[in-house]
Amino acid sequence: FSAYDFWQYFRNTEDADVGRFLKIF
């Protein structure tokens, strides 16, 4: 799973999850 695909995966995060995922990841 390429670094670009990984970046895109998180770029497509739902709005409501941004704060939570920033804390975790």
PDBML (XML) file of the C-alpha atoms, coordinates in Angstrom:
<?xml version="1.0" encoding="UTF-8" ?>
<PDBx:datablock datablockName="MODEL"
   xmlns:PDBx="http://pdbml.pdb.org/schema/pdbx-v50.xsd"
   xmlns:xsi="http://www.w3.org/2001/XMLSchema-instance"
   xsi:schemaLocation="http://pdbml.pdb.org/schema/pdbx-v50.xsd pdbx-v50.xsd">
   <PDBx:atom_siteCategory>
      <PDBx:atom_site id="1">
         <PDBx:B_iso_or_equiv>0.00</PDBx:B_iso_or_equiv>
         <PDBx:Cartn_x>0.000</PDBx:Cartn_x>
         <PDBx:Cartn_y>0.000</PDBx:Cartn_y>
         <PDBx:Cartn_z>0.000</PDBx:Cartn_z>
         <PDBx:auth_asym_id>A</PDBx:auth_asym_id>
         <PDBx:auth_atom_id>CA</PDBx:auth_atom_id>
         <PDBx:auth_comp_id>PHE</PDBx:auth_comp_id>
         <PDBx:auth_seq_id>1</PDBx:auth_seq_id>
         <PDBx:group_PDB>ATOM</PDBx:group_PDB>
         <PDBx:label_alt_id xsi:nil="true" />
         <PDBx:label_asym_id>A</PDBx:label_asym_id>
         <PDBx:label_atom_id>CA</PDBx:label_atom_id>
         <PDBx:label_comp_id>PHE</PDBx:label_comp_id>
         <PDBx:label_entity_id>1</PDBx:label_entity_id>
         <PDBx:label_seq_id>1</PDBx:label_seq_id>
         <PDBx:occupancy>1.00</PDBx:occupancy>
         <PDBx:pdbx_PDB_model_num>1</PDBx:pdbx_PDB_model_num>
         <PDBx:type_symbol>C</PDBx:type_symbol>
      </PDBx:atom_site>
      <PDBx:atom_site id="2">
         <PDBx:B_iso_or_equiv>0.00</PDBx:B_iso_or_equiv>
         <PDBx:Cartn_x>2.007</PDBx:Cartn_x>
         <PDBx:Cartn_y>2.943</PDBx:Cartn_y>
         <PDBx:Cartn_z>-1.305</PDBx:Cartn_z>
         <PDBx:auth_asym_id>A</PDBx:auth_asym_id>
         <PDBx:auth_atom_id>CA</PDBx:auth_atom_id>
         <PDBx:auth_comp_id>SER</PDBx:auth_comp_id>
         <PDBx:auth_seq_id>2</PDBx:auth_seq_id>
         <PDBx:group_PDB>ATOM</PDBx:group_PDB>
         <PDBx:label_alt_id xsi:nil="true" />
         <PDBx:label_asym_id>A</PDBx:label_asym_id>
         <PDBx:label_atom_id>CA</PDBx:label_atom_id>
         <PDBx:label_comp_id>SER</PDBx:label_comp_id>
         <PDBx:label_entity_id>1</PDBx:label_entity_id>
         <PDBx:label_seq_id>2</PDBx:label_seq_id>
         <PDBx:occupancy>1.00</PDBx:occupancy>
         <PDBx:pdbx_PDB_model_num>1</PDBx:pdbx_PDB_model_num>
         <PDBx:type_symbol>C</PDBx:type_symbol>
      </PDBx:atom_site>
      <PDBx:atom_site id="3">
         <PDBx:B_iso_or_equiv>0.00</PDBx:B_iso_or_equiv>
         <PDBx:Cartn_x>2.809</PDBx:Cartn_x>
         <PDBx:Cartn_y>6.078</PDBx:Cartn_y>
         <PDBx:Cartn_z>0.683</PDBx:Cartn_z>
         <PDBx:auth_asym_id>A</PDBx:auth_asym_id>
         <PDBx:auth_atom_id>CA</PDBx:auth_atom_id>
         <PDBx:auth_comp_id>ALA</PDBx:auth_comp_id>
         <PDBx:auth_seq_id>3</PDBx:auth_seq_id>
         <PDBx:group_PDB>ATOM</PDBx:group_PDB>
         <PDBx:label_alt_id xsi:nil="true" />
         <PDBx:label_asym_id>A</PDBx:label_asym_id>
         <PDBx:label_atom_id>CA</PDBx:label_atom_id>
         <PDBx:label_comp_id>ALA</PDBx:label_comp_id>
         <PDBx:label_entity_id>1</PDBx:label_entity_id>
         <PDBx:label_seq_id>3</PDBx:label_seq_id>
         <PDBx:occupancy>1.00</PDBx:occupancy>
         <PDBx:pdbx_PDB_model_num>1</PDBx:pdbx_PDB_model_num>
         <PDBx:type_symbol>C</PDBx:type_symbol>
      </PDBx:atom_site>
      <PDBx:atom_site id="4">
         <PDBx:B_iso_or_equiv>0.00</PDBx:B_iso_or_equiv>
         <PDBx:Cartn_x>0.658</PDBx:Cartn_x>
         <PDBx:Cartn_y>8.019</PDBx:Cartn_y>
         <PDBx:Cartn_z>-1.776</PDBx:Cartn_z>
         <PDBx:auth_asym_id>A</PDBx:auth_asym_id>
         <PDBx:auth_atom_id>CA</PDBx:auth_atom_id>
         <PDBx:auth_comp_id>TYR</PDBx:auth_comp_id>
         <PDBx:auth_seq_id>4</PDBx:auth_seq_id>
         <PDBx:group_PDB>ATOM</PDBx:group_PDB>
         <PDBx:label_alt_id xsi:nil="true" />
         <PDBx:label_asym_id>A</PDBx:label_asym_id>
         <PDBx:label_atom_id>CA</PDBx:label_atom_id>
         <PDBx:label_comp_id>TYR</PDBx:label_comp_id>
         <PDBx:label_entity_id>1</PDBx:label_entity_id>
         <PDBx:label_seq_id>4</PDBx:label_seq_id>
         <PDBx:occupancy>1.00</PDBx:occupancy>
         <PDBx:pdbx_PDB_model_num>1</PDBx:pdbx_PDB_model_num>
         <PDBx:type_symbol>C</PDBx:type_symbol>
      </PDBx:atom_site>
      <PDBx:atom_site id="5">
         <PDBx:B_iso_or_equiv>0.00</PDBx:B_iso_or_equiv>
         <PDBx:Cartn_x>-2.331</PDBx:Cartn_x>
         <PDBx:Cartn_y>5.695</PDBx:Cartn_y>
         <PDBx:Cartn_z>-1.224</PDBx:Cartn_z>
         <PDBx:auth_asym_id>A</PDBx:auth_asym_id>
         <PDBx:auth_atom_id>CA</PDBx:auth_atom_id>
         <PDBx:auth_comp_id>ASP</PDBx:auth_comp_id>
         <PDBx:auth_seq_id>5</PDBx:auth_seq_id>
         <PDBx:group_PDB>ATOM</PDBx:group_PDB>
         <PDBx:label_alt_id xsi:nil="true" />
         <PDBx:label_asym_id>A</PDBx:label_asym_id>
         <PDBx:label_atom_id>CA</PDBx:label_atom_id>
         <PDBx:label_comp_id>ASP</PDBx:label_comp_id>
         <PDBx:label_entity_id>1</PDBx:label_entity_id>
         <PDBx:label_seq_id>5</PDBx:label_seq_id>
         <PDBx:occupancy>1.00</PDBx:occupancy>
         <PDBx:pdbx_PDB_model_num>1</PDBx:pdbx_PDB_model_num>
         <PDBx:type_symbol>C</PDBx:type_symbol>
      </PDBx:atom_site>
      <PDBx:atom_site id="6">
         <PDBx:B_iso_or_equiv>0.00</PDBx:B_iso_or_equiv>
         <PDBx:Cartn_x>-1.770</PDBx:Cartn_x>
         <PDBx:Cartn_y>5.964</PDBx:Cartn_y>
         <PDBx:Cartn_z>2.533</PDBx:Cartn_z>
         <PDBx:auth_asym_id>A</PDBx:auth_asym_id>
         <PDBx:auth_atom_id>CA</PDBx:auth_atom_id>
         <PDBx:auth_comp_id>PHE</PDBx:auth_comp_id>
         <PDBx:auth_seq_id>6</PDBx:auth_seq_id>
         <PDBx:group_PDB>ATOM</PDBx:group_PDB>
         <PDBx:label_alt_id xsi:nil="true" />
         <PDBx:label_asym_id>A</PDBx:label_asym_id>
         <PDBx:label_atom_id>CA</PDBx:label_atom_id>
         <PDBx:label_comp_id>PHE</PDBx:label_comp_id>
         <PDBx:label_entity_id>1</PDBx:label_entity_id>
         <PDBx:label_seq_id>6</PDBx:label_seq_id>
         <PDBx:occupancy>1.00</PDBx:occupancy>
         <PDBx:pdbx_PDB_model_num>1</PDBx:pdbx_PDB_model_num>
         <PDBx:type_symbol>C</PDBx:type_symbol>
      </PDBx:atom_site>
      <PDBx:atom_site id="7">
         <PDBx:B_iso_or_equiv>0.00</PDBx:B_iso_or_equiv>
         <PDBx:Cartn_x>-1.758</PDBx:Cartn_x>
         <PDBx:Cartn_y>9.758</PDBx:Cartn_y>
         <PDBx:Cartn_z>2.290</PDBx:Cartn_z>
         <PDBx:auth_asym_id>A</PDBx:auth_asym_id>
         <PDBx:auth_atom_id>CA</PDBx:auth_atom_id>
         <PDBx:auth_comp_id>TRP</PDBx:auth_comp_id>
         <PDBx:auth_seq_id>7</PDBx:auth_seq_id>
         <PDBx:group_PDB>ATOM</PDBx:group_PDB>
         <PDBx:label_alt_id xsi:nil="true" />
         <PDBx:label_asym_id>A</PDBx:label_asym_id>
         <PDBx:label_atom_id>CA</PDBx:label_atom_id>
         <PDBx:label_comp_id>TRP</PDBx:label_comp_id>
         <PDBx:label_entity_id>1</PDBx:label_entity_id>
         <PDBx:label_seq_id>7</PDBx:label_seq_id>
         <PDBx:occupancy>1.00</PDBx:occupancy>
         <PDBx:pdbx_PDB_model_num>1</PDBx:pdbx_PDB_model_num>
         <PDBx:type_symbol>C</PDBx:type_symbol>
      </PDBx:atom_site>
      <PDBx:atom_site id="8">
         <PDBx:B_iso_or_equiv>0.00</PDBx:B_iso_or_equiv>
         <PDBx:Cartn_x>-4.945</PDBx:Cartn_x>
         <PDBx:Cartn_y>9.702</PDBx:Cartn_y>
         <PDBx:Cartn_z>0.215</PDBx:Cartn_z>
         <PDBx:auth_asym_id>A</PDBx:auth_asym_id>
         <PDBx:auth_atom_id>CA</PDBx:auth_atom_id>
         <PDBx:auth_comp_id>GLN</PDBx:auth_comp_id>
         <PDBx:auth_seq_id>8</PDBx:auth_seq_id>
         <PDBx:group_PDB>ATOM</PDBx:group_PDB>
         <PDBx:label_alt_id xsi:nil="true" />
         <PDBx:label_asym_id>A</PDBx:label_asym_id>
         <PDBx:label_atom_id>CA</PDBx:label_atom_id>
         <PDBx:label_comp_id>GLN</PDBx:label_comp_id>
         <PDBx:label_entity_id>1</PDBx:label_entity_id>
         <PDBx:label_seq_id>8</PDBx:label_seq_id>
         <PDBx:occupancy>1.00</PDBx:occupancy>
         <PDBx:pdbx_PDB_model_num>1</PDBx:pdbx_PDB_model_num>
         <PDBx:type_symbol>C</PDBx:type_symbol>
      </PDBx:atom_site>
      <PDBx:atom_site id="9">
         <PDBx:B_iso_or_equiv>0.00</PDBx:B_iso_or_equiv>
         <PDBx:Cartn_x>-6.629</PDBx:Cartn_x>
         <PDBx:Cartn_y>7.381</PDBx:Cartn_y>
         <PDBx:Cartn_z>2.699</PDBx:Cartn_z>
         <PDBx:auth_asym_id>A</PDBx:auth_asym_id>
         <PDBx:auth_atom_id>CA</PDBx:auth_atom_id>
         <PDBx:auth_comp_id>TYR</PDBx:auth_comp_id>
         <PDBx:auth_seq_id>9</PDBx:auth_seq_id>
         <PDBx:group_PDB>ATOM</PDBx:group_PDB>
         <PDBx:label_alt_id xsi:nil="true" />
         <PDBx:label_asym_id>A</PDBx:label_asym_id>
         <PDBx:label_atom_id>CA</PDBx:label_atom_id>
         <PDBx:label_comp_id>TYR</PDBx:label_comp_id>
         <PDBx:label_entity_id>1</PDBx:label_entity_id>
         <PDBx:label_seq_id>9</PDBx:label_seq_id>
         <PDBx:occupancy>1.00</PDBx:occupancy>
         <PDBx:pdbx_PDB_model_num>1</PDBx:pdbx_PDB_model_num>
         <PDBx:type_symbol>C</PDBx:type_symbol>
      </PDBx:atom_site>
      <PDBx:atom_site id="10">
         <PDBx:B_iso_or_equiv>0.00</PDBx:B_iso_or_equiv>
         <PDBx:Cartn_x>-6.244</PDBx:Cartn_x>
         <PDBx:Cartn_y>9.937</PDBx:Cartn_y>
         <PDBx:Cartn_z>5.485</PDBx:Cartn_z>
         <PDBx:auth_asym_id>A</PDBx:auth_asym_id>
         <PDBx:auth_atom_id>CA</PDBx:auth_atom_id>
         <PDBx:auth_comp_id>PHE</PDBx:auth_comp_id>
         <PDBx:auth_seq_id>10</PDBx:auth_seq_id>
         <PDBx:group_PDB>ATOM</PDBx:group_PDB>
         <PDBx:label_alt_id xsi:nil="true" />
         <PDBx:label_asym_id>A</PDBx:label_asym_id>
         <PDBx:label_atom_id>CA</PDBx:label_atom_id>
         <PDBx:label_comp_id>PHE</PDBx:label_comp_id>
         <PDBx:label_entity_id>1</PDBx:label_entity_id>
         <PDBx:label_seq_id>10</PDBx:label_seq_id>
         <PDBx:occupancy>1.00</PDBx:occupancy>
         <PDBx:pdbx_PDB_model_num>1</PDBx:pdbx_PDB_model_num>
         <PDBx:type_symbol>C</PDBx:type_symbol>
      </PDBx:atom_site>
      <PDBx:atom_site id="11">
         <PDBx:B_iso_or_equiv>0.00</PDBx:B_iso_or_equiv>
         <PDBx:Cartn_x>-6.971</PDBx:Cartn_x>
         <PDBx:Cartn_y>12.875</PDBx:Cartn_y>
         <PDBx:Cartn_z>3.177</PDBx:Cartn_z>
         <PDBx:auth_asym_id>A</PDBx:auth_asym_id>
         <PDBx:auth_atom_id>CA</PDBx:auth_atom_id>
         <PDBx:auth_comp_id>ARG</PDBx:auth_comp_id>
         <PDBx:auth_seq_id>11</PDBx:auth_seq_id>
         <PDBx:group_PDB>ATOM</PDBx:group_PDB>
         <PDBx:label_alt_id xsi:nil="true" />
         <PDBx:label_asym_id>A</PDBx:label_asym_id>
         <PDBx:label_atom_id>CA</PDBx:label_atom_id>
         <PDBx:label_comp_id>ARG</PDBx:label_comp_id>
         <PDBx:label_entity_id>1</PDBx:label_entity_id>
         <PDBx:label_seq_id>11</PDBx:label_seq_id>
         <PDBx:occupancy>1.00</PDBx:occupancy>
         <PDBx:pdbx_PDB_model_num>1</PDBx:pdbx_PDB_model_num>
         <PDBx:type_symbol>C</PDBx:type_symbol>
      </PDBx:atom_site>
      <PDBx:atom_site id="12">
         <PDBx:B_iso_or_equiv>0.00</PDBx:B_iso_or_equiv>
         <PDBx:Cartn_x>-10.403</PDBx:Cartn_x>
         <PDBx:Cartn_y>11.323</PDBx:Cartn_y>
         <PDBx:Cartn_z>2.630</PDBx:Cartn_z>
         <PDBx:auth_asym_id>A</PDBx:auth_asym_id>
         <PDBx:auth_atom_id>CA</PDBx:auth_atom_id>
         <PDBx:auth_comp_id>ASN</PDBx:auth_comp_id>
         <PDBx:auth_seq_id>12</PDBx:auth_seq_id>
         <PDBx:group_PDB>ATOM</PDBx:group_PDB>
         <PDBx:label_alt_id xsi:nil="true" />
         <PDBx:label_asym_id>A</PDBx:label_asym_id>
         <PDBx:label_atom_id>CA</PDBx:label_atom_id>
         <PDBx:label_comp_id>ASN</PDBx:label_comp_id>
         <PDBx:label_entity_id>1</PDBx:label_entity_id>
         <PDBx:label_seq_id>12</PDBx:label_seq_id>
         <PDBx:occupancy>1.00</PDBx:occupancy>
         <PDBx:pdbx_PDB_model_num>1</PDBx:pdbx_PDB_model_num>
         <PDBx:type_symbol>C</PDBx:type_symbol>
      </PDBx:atom_site>
      <PDBx:atom_site id="13">
         <PDBx:B_iso_or_equiv>0.00</PDBx:B_iso_or_equiv>
         <PDBx:Cartn_x>-11.177</PDBx:Cartn_x>
         <PDBx:Cartn_y>11.240</PDBx:Cartn_y>
         <PDBx:Cartn_z>6.375</PDBx:Cartn_z>
         <PDBx:auth_asym_id>A</PDBx:auth_asym_id>
         <PDBx:auth_atom_id>CA</PDBx:auth_atom_id>
         <PDBx:auth_comp_id>THR</PDBx:auth_comp_id>
         <PDBx:auth_seq_id>13</PDBx:auth_seq_id>
         <PDBx:group_PDB>ATOM</PDBx:group_PDB>
         <PDBx:label_alt_id xsi:nil="true" />
         <PDBx:label_asym_id>A</PDBx:label_asym_id>
         <PDBx:label_atom_id>CA</PDBx:label_atom_id>
         <PDBx:label_comp_id>THR</PDBx:label_comp_id>
         <PDBx:label_entity_id>1</PDBx:label_entity_id>
         <PDBx:label_seq_id>13</PDBx:label_seq_id>
         <PDBx:occupancy>1.00</PDBx:occupancy>
         <PDBx:pdbx_PDB_model_num>1</PDBx:pdbx_PDB_model_num>
         <PDBx:type_symbol>C</PDBx:type_symbol>
      </PDBx:atom_site>
      <PDBx:atom_site id="14">
         <PDBx:B_iso_or_equiv>0.00</PDBx:B_iso_or_equiv>
         <PDBx:Cartn_x>-14.724</PDBx:Cartn_x>
         <PDBx:Cartn_y>12.235</PDBx:Cartn_y>
         <PDBx:Cartn_z>7.301</PDBx:Cartn_z>
         <PDBx:auth_asym_id>A</PDBx:auth_asym_id>
         <PDBx:auth_atom_id>CA</PDBx:auth_atom_id>
         <PDBx:auth_comp_id>GLU</PDBx:auth_comp_id>
         <PDBx:auth_seq_id>14</PDBx:auth_seq_id>
         <PDBx:group_PDB>ATOM</PDBx:group_PDB>
         <PDBx:label_alt_id xsi:nil="true" />
         <PDBx:label_asym_id>A</PDBx:label_asym_id>
         <PDBx:label_atom_id>CA</PDBx:label_atom_id>
         <PDBx:label_comp_id>GLU</PDBx:label_comp_id>
         <PDBx:label_entity_id>1</PDBx:label_entity_id>
         <PDBx:label_seq_id>14</PDBx:label_seq_id>
         <PDBx:occupancy>1.00</PDBx:occupancy>
         <PDBx:pdbx_PDB_model_num>1</PDBx:pdbx_PDB_model_num>
         <PDBx:type_symbol>C</PDBx:type_symbol>
      </PDBx:atom_site>
      <PDBx:atom_site id="15">
         <PDBx:B_iso_or_equiv>0.00</PDBx:B_iso_or_equiv>
         <PDBx:Cartn_x>-14.967</PDBx:Cartn_x>
         <PDBx:Cartn_y>15.769</PDBx:Cartn_y>
         <PDBx:Cartn_z>8.728</PDBx:Cartn_z>
         <PDBx:auth_asym_id>A</PDBx:auth_asym_id>
         <PDBx:auth_atom_id>CA</PDBx:auth_atom_id>
         <PDBx:auth_comp_id>ASP</PDBx:auth_comp_id>
         <PDBx:auth_seq_id>15</PDBx:auth_seq_id>
         <PDBx:group_PDB>ATOM</PDBx:group_PDB>
         <PDBx:label_alt_id xsi:nil="true" />
         <PDBx:label_asym_id>A</PDBx:label_asym_id>
         <PDBx:label_atom_id>CA</PDBx:label_atom_id>
         <PDBx:label_comp_id>ASP</PDBx:label_comp_id>
         <PDBx:label_entity_id>1</PDBx:label_entity_id>
         <PDBx:label_seq_id>15</PDBx:label_seq_id>
         <PDBx:occupancy>1.00</PDBx:occupancy>
         <PDBx:pdbx_PDB_model_num>1</PDBx:pdbx_PDB_model_num>
         <PDBx:type_symbol>C</PDBx:type_symbol>
      </PDBx:atom_site>
      <PDBx:atom_site id="16">
         <PDBx:B_iso_or_equiv>0.00</PDBx:B_iso_or_equiv>
         <PDBx:Cartn_x>-16.191</PDBx:Cartn_x>
         <PDBx:Cartn_y>14.525</PDBx:Cartn_y>
         <PDBx:Cartn_z>12.106</PDBx:Cartn_z>
         <PDBx:auth_asym_id>A</PDBx:auth_asym_id>
         <PDBx:auth_atom_id>CA</PDBx:auth_atom_id>
         <PDBx:auth_comp_id>ALA</PDBx:auth_comp_id>
         <PDBx:auth_seq_id>16</PDBx:auth_seq_id>
         <PDBx:group_PDB>ATOM</PDBx:group_PDB>
         <PDBx:label_alt_id xsi:nil="true" />
         <PDBx:label_asym_id>A</PDBx:label_asym_id>
         <PDBx:label_atom_id>CA</PDBx:label_atom_id>
         <PDBx:label_comp_id>ALA</PDBx:label_comp_id>
         <PDBx:label_entity_id>1</PDBx:label_entity_id>
         <PDBx:label_seq_id>16</PDBx:label_seq_id>
         <PDBx:occupancy>1.00</PDBx:occupancy>
         <PDBx:pdbx_PDB_model_num>1</PDBx:pdbx_PDB_model_num>
         <PDBx:type_symbol>C</PDBx:type_symbol>
      </PDBx:atom_site>
      <PDBx:atom_site id="17">
         <PDBx:B_iso_or_equiv>0.00</PDBx:B_iso_or_equiv>
         <PDBx:Cartn_x>-13.158</PDBx:Cartn_x>
         <PDBx:Cartn_y>12.219</PDBx:Cartn_y>
         <PDBx:Cartn_z>12.502</PDBx:Cartn_z>
         <PDBx:auth_asym_id>A</PDBx:auth_asym_id>
         <PDBx:auth_atom_id>CA</PDBx:auth_atom_id>
         <PDBx:auth_comp_id>ASP</PDBx:auth_comp_id>
         <PDBx:auth_seq_id>17</PDBx:auth_seq_id>
         <PDBx:group_PDB>ATOM</PDBx:group_PDB>
         <PDBx:label_alt_id xsi:nil="true" />
         <PDBx:label_asym_id>A</PDBx:label_asym_id>
         <PDBx:label_atom_id>CA</PDBx:label_atom_id>
         <PDBx:label_comp_id>ASP</PDBx:label_comp_id>
         <PDBx:label_entity_id>1</PDBx:label_entity_id>
         <PDBx:label_seq_id>17</PDBx:label_seq_id>
         <PDBx:occupancy>1.00</PDBx:occupancy>
         <PDBx:pdbx_PDB_model_num>1</PDBx:pdbx_PDB_model_num>
         <PDBx:type_symbol>C</PDBx:type_symbol>
      </PDBx:atom_site>
      <PDBx:atom_site id="18">
         <PDBx:B_iso_or_equiv>0.00</PDBx:B_iso_or_equiv>
         <PDBx:Cartn_x>-10.365</PDBx:Cartn_x>
         <PDBx:Cartn_y>14.728</PDBx:Cartn_y>
         <PDBx:Cartn_z>11.847</PDBx:Cartn_z>
         <PDBx:auth_asym_id>A</PDBx:auth_asym_id>
         <PDBx:auth_atom_id>CA</PDBx:auth_atom_id>
         <PDBx:auth_comp_id>VAL</PDBx:auth_comp_id>
         <PDBx:auth_seq_id>18</PDBx:auth_seq_id>
         <PDBx:group_PDB>ATOM</PDBx:group_PDB>
         <PDBx:label_alt_id xsi:nil="true" />
         <PDBx:label_asym_id>A</PDBx:label_asym_id>
         <PDBx:label_atom_id>CA</PDBx:label_atom_id>
         <PDBx:label_comp_id>VAL</PDBx:label_comp_id>
         <PDBx:label_entity_id>1</PDBx:label_entity_id>
         <PDBx:label_seq_id>18</PDBx:label_seq_id>
         <PDBx:occupancy>1.00</PDBx:occupancy>
         <PDBx:pdbx_PDB_model_num>1</PDBx:pdbx_PDB_model_num>
         <PDBx:type_symbol>C</PDBx:type_symbol>
      </PDBx:atom_site>
      <PDBx:atom_site id="19">
         <PDBx:B_iso_or_equiv>0.00</PDBx:B_iso_or_equiv>
         <PDBx:Cartn_x>-9.745</PDBx:Cartn_x>
         <PDBx:Cartn_y>15.731</PDBx:Cartn_y>
         <PDBx:Cartn_z>15.475</PDBx:Cartn_z>
         <PDBx:auth_asym_id>A</PDBx:auth_asym_id>
         <PDBx:auth_atom_id>CA</PDBx:auth_atom_id>
         <PDBx:auth_comp_id>GLY</PDBx:auth_comp_id>
         <PDBx:auth_seq_id>19</PDBx:auth_seq_id>
         <PDBx:group_PDB>ATOM</PDBx:group_PDB>
         <PDBx:label_alt_id xsi:nil="true" />
         <PDBx:label_asym_id>A</PDBx:label_asym_id>
         <PDBx:label_atom_id>CA</PDBx:label_atom_id>
         <PDBx:label_comp_id>GLY</PDBx:label_comp_id>
         <PDBx:label_entity_id>1</PDBx:label_entity_id>
         <PDBx:label_seq_id>19</PDBx:label_seq_id>
         <PDBx:occupancy>1.00</PDBx:occupancy>
         <PDBx:pdbx_PDB_model_num>1</PDBx:pdbx_PDB_model_num>
         <PDBx:type_symbol>C</PDBx:type_symbol>
      </PDBx:atom_site>
      <PDBx:atom_site id="20">
         <PDBx:B_iso_or_equiv>0.00</PDBx:B_iso_or_equiv>
         <PDBx:Cartn_x>-9.923</PDBx:Cartn_x>
         <PDBx:Cartn_y>12.154</PDBx:Cartn_y>
         <PDBx:Cartn_z>16.753</PDBx:Cartn_z>
         <PDBx:auth_asym_id>A</PDBx:auth_asym_id>
         <PDBx:auth_atom_id>CA</PDBx:auth_atom_id>
         <PDBx:auth_comp_id>ARG</PDBx:auth_comp_id>
         <PDBx:auth_seq_id>20</PDBx:auth_seq_id>
         <PDBx:group_PDB>ATOM</PDBx:group_PDB>
         <PDBx:label_alt_id xsi:nil="true" />
         <PDBx:label_asym_id>A</PDBx:label_asym_id>
         <PDBx:label_atom_id>CA</PDBx:label_atom_id>
         <PDBx:label_comp_id>ARG</PDBx:label_comp_id>
         <PDBx:label_entity_id>1</PDBx:label_entity_id>
         <PDBx:label_seq_id>20</PDBx:label_seq_id>
         <PDBx:occupancy>1.00</PDBx:occupancy>
         <PDBx:pdbx_PDB_model_num>1</PDBx:pdbx_PDB_model_num>
         <PDBx:type_symbol>C</PDBx:type_symbol>
      </PDBx:atom_site>
      <PDBx:atom_site id="21">
         <PDBx:B_iso_or_equiv>0.00</PDBx:B_iso_or_equiv>
         <PDBx:Cartn_x>-7.580</PDBx:Cartn_x>
         <PDBx:Cartn_y>10.792</PDBx:Cartn_y>
         <PDBx:Cartn_z>14.083</PDBx:Cartn_z>
         <PDBx:auth_asym_id>A</PDBx:auth_asym_id>
         <PDBx:auth_atom_id>CA</PDBx:auth_atom_id>
         <PDBx:auth_comp_id>PHE</PDBx:auth_comp_id>
         <PDBx:auth_seq_id>21</PDBx:auth_seq_id>
         <PDBx:group_PDB>ATOM</PDBx:group_PDB>
         <PDBx:label_alt_id xsi:nil="true" />
         <PDBx:label_asym_id>A</PDBx:label_asym_id>
         <PDBx:label_atom_id>CA</PDBx:label_atom_id>
         <PDBx:label_comp_id>PHE</PDBx:label_comp_id>
         <PDBx:label_entity_id>1</PDBx:label_entity_id>
         <PDBx:label_seq_id>21</PDBx:label_seq_id>
         <PDBx:occupancy>1.00</PDBx:occupancy>
         <PDBx:pdbx_PDB_model_num>1</PDBx:pdbx_PDB_model_num>
         <PDBx:type_symbol>C</PDBx:type_symbol>
      </PDBx:atom_site>
      <PDBx:atom_site id="22">
         <PDBx:B_iso_or_equiv>0.00</PDBx:B_iso_or_equiv>
         <PDBx:Cartn_x>-5.077</PDBx:Cartn_x>
         <PDBx:Cartn_y>13.614</PDBx:Cartn_y>
         <PDBx:Cartn_z>14.624</PDBx:Cartn_z>
         <PDBx:auth_asym_id>A</PDBx:auth_asym_id>
         <PDBx:auth_atom_id>CA</PDBx:auth_atom_id>
         <PDBx:auth_comp_id>LEU</PDBx:auth_comp_id>
         <PDBx:auth_seq_id>22</PDBx:auth_seq_id>
         <PDBx:group_PDB>ATOM</PDBx:group_PDB>
         <PDBx:label_alt_id xsi:nil="true" />
         <PDBx:label_asym_id>A</PDBx:label_asym_id>
         <PDBx:label_atom_id>CA</PDBx:label_atom_id>
         <PDBx:label_comp_id>LEU</PDBx:label_comp_id>
         <PDBx:label_entity_id>1</PDBx:label_entity_id>
         <PDBx:label_seq_id>22</PDBx:label_seq_id>
         <PDBx:occupancy>1.00</PDBx:occupancy>
         <PDBx:pdbx_PDB_model_num>1</PDBx:pdbx_PDB_model_num>
         <PDBx:type_symbol>C</PDBx:type_symbol>
      </PDBx:atom_site>
      <PDBx:atom_site id="23">
         <PDBx:B_iso_or_equiv>0.00</PDBx:B_iso_or_equiv>
         <PDBx:Cartn_x>-4.849</PDBx:Cartn_x>
         <PDBx:Cartn_y>12.543</PDBx:Cartn_y>
         <PDBx:Cartn_z>18.277</PDBx:Cartn_z>
         <PDBx:auth_asym_id>A</PDBx:auth_asym_id>
         <PDBx:auth_atom_id>CA</PDBx:auth_atom_id>
         <PDBx:auth_comp_id>LYS</PDBx:auth_comp_id>
         <PDBx:auth_seq_id>23</PDBx:auth_seq_id>
         <PDBx:group_PDB>ATOM</PDBx:group_PDB>
         <PDBx:label_alt_id xsi:nil="true" />
         <PDBx:label_asym_id>A</PDBx:label_asym_id>
         <PDBx:label_atom_id>CA</PDBx:label_atom_id>
         <PDBx:label_comp_id>LYS</PDBx:label_comp_id>
         <PDBx:label_entity_id>1</PDBx:label_entity_id>
         <PDBx:label_seq_id>23</PDBx:label_seq_id>
         <PDBx:occupancy>1.00</PDBx:occupancy>
         <PDBx:pdbx_PDB_model_num>1</PDBx:pdbx_PDB_model_num>
         <PDBx:type_symbol>C</PDBx:type_symbol>
      </PDBx:atom_site>
      <PDBx:atom_site id="24">
         <PDBx:B_iso_or_equiv>0.00</PDBx:B_iso_or_equiv>
         <PDBx:Cartn_x>-4.446</PDBx:Cartn_x>
         <PDBx:Cartn_y>8.856</PDBx:Cartn_y>
         <PDBx:Cartn_z>17.467</PDBx:Cartn_z>
         <PDBx:auth_asym_id>A</PDBx:auth_asym_id>
         <PDBx:auth_atom_id>CA</PDBx:auth_atom_id>
         <PDBx:auth_comp_id>ILE</PDBx:auth_comp_id>
         <PDBx:auth_seq_id>24</PDBx:auth_seq_id>
         <PDBx:group_PDB>ATOM</PDBx:group_PDB>
         <PDBx:label_alt_id xsi:nil="true" />
         <PDBx:label_asym_id>A</PDBx:label_asym_id>
         <PDBx:label_atom_id>CA</PDBx:label_atom_id>
         <PDBx:label_comp_id>ILE</PDBx:label_comp_id>
         <PDBx:label_entity_id>1</PDBx:label_entity_id>
         <PDBx:label_seq_id>24</PDBx:label_seq_id>
         <PDBx:occupancy>1.00</PDBx:occupancy>
         <PDBx:pdbx_PDB_model_num>1</PDBx:pdbx_PDB_model_num>
         <PDBx:type_symbol>C</PDBx:type_symbol>
      </PDBx:atom_site>
      <PDBx:atom_site id="25">
         <PDBx:B_iso_or_equiv>0.00</PDBx:B_iso_or_equiv>
         <PDBx:Cartn_x>-2.328</PDBx:Cartn_x>
         <PDBx:Cartn_y>8.784</PDBx:Cartn_y>
         <PDBx:Cartn_z>14.322</PDBx:Cartn_z>
         <PDBx:auth_asym_id>A</PDBx:auth_asym_id>
         <PDBx:auth_atom_id>CA</PDBx:auth_atom_id>
         <PDBx:auth_comp_id>PHE</PDBx:auth_comp_id>
         <PDBx:auth_seq_id>25</PDBx:auth_seq_id>
         <PDBx:group_PDB>ATOM</PDBx:group_PDB>
         <PDBx:label_alt_id xsi:nil="true" />
         <PDBx:label_asym_id>A</PDBx:label_asym_id>
         <PDBx:label_atom_id>CA</PDBx:label_atom_id>
         <PDBx:label_comp_id>PHE</PDBx:label_comp_id>
         <PDBx:label_entity_id>1</PDBx:label_entity_id>
         <PDBx:label_seq_id>25</PDBx:label_seq_id>
         <PDBx:occupancy>1.00</PDBx:occupancy>
         <PDBx:pdbx_PDB_model_num>1</PDBx:pdbx_PDB_model_num>
         <PDBx:type_symbol>C</PDBx:type_symbol>
      </PDBx:atom_site>
   </PDBx:atom_siteCategory>
</PDBx:datablock>
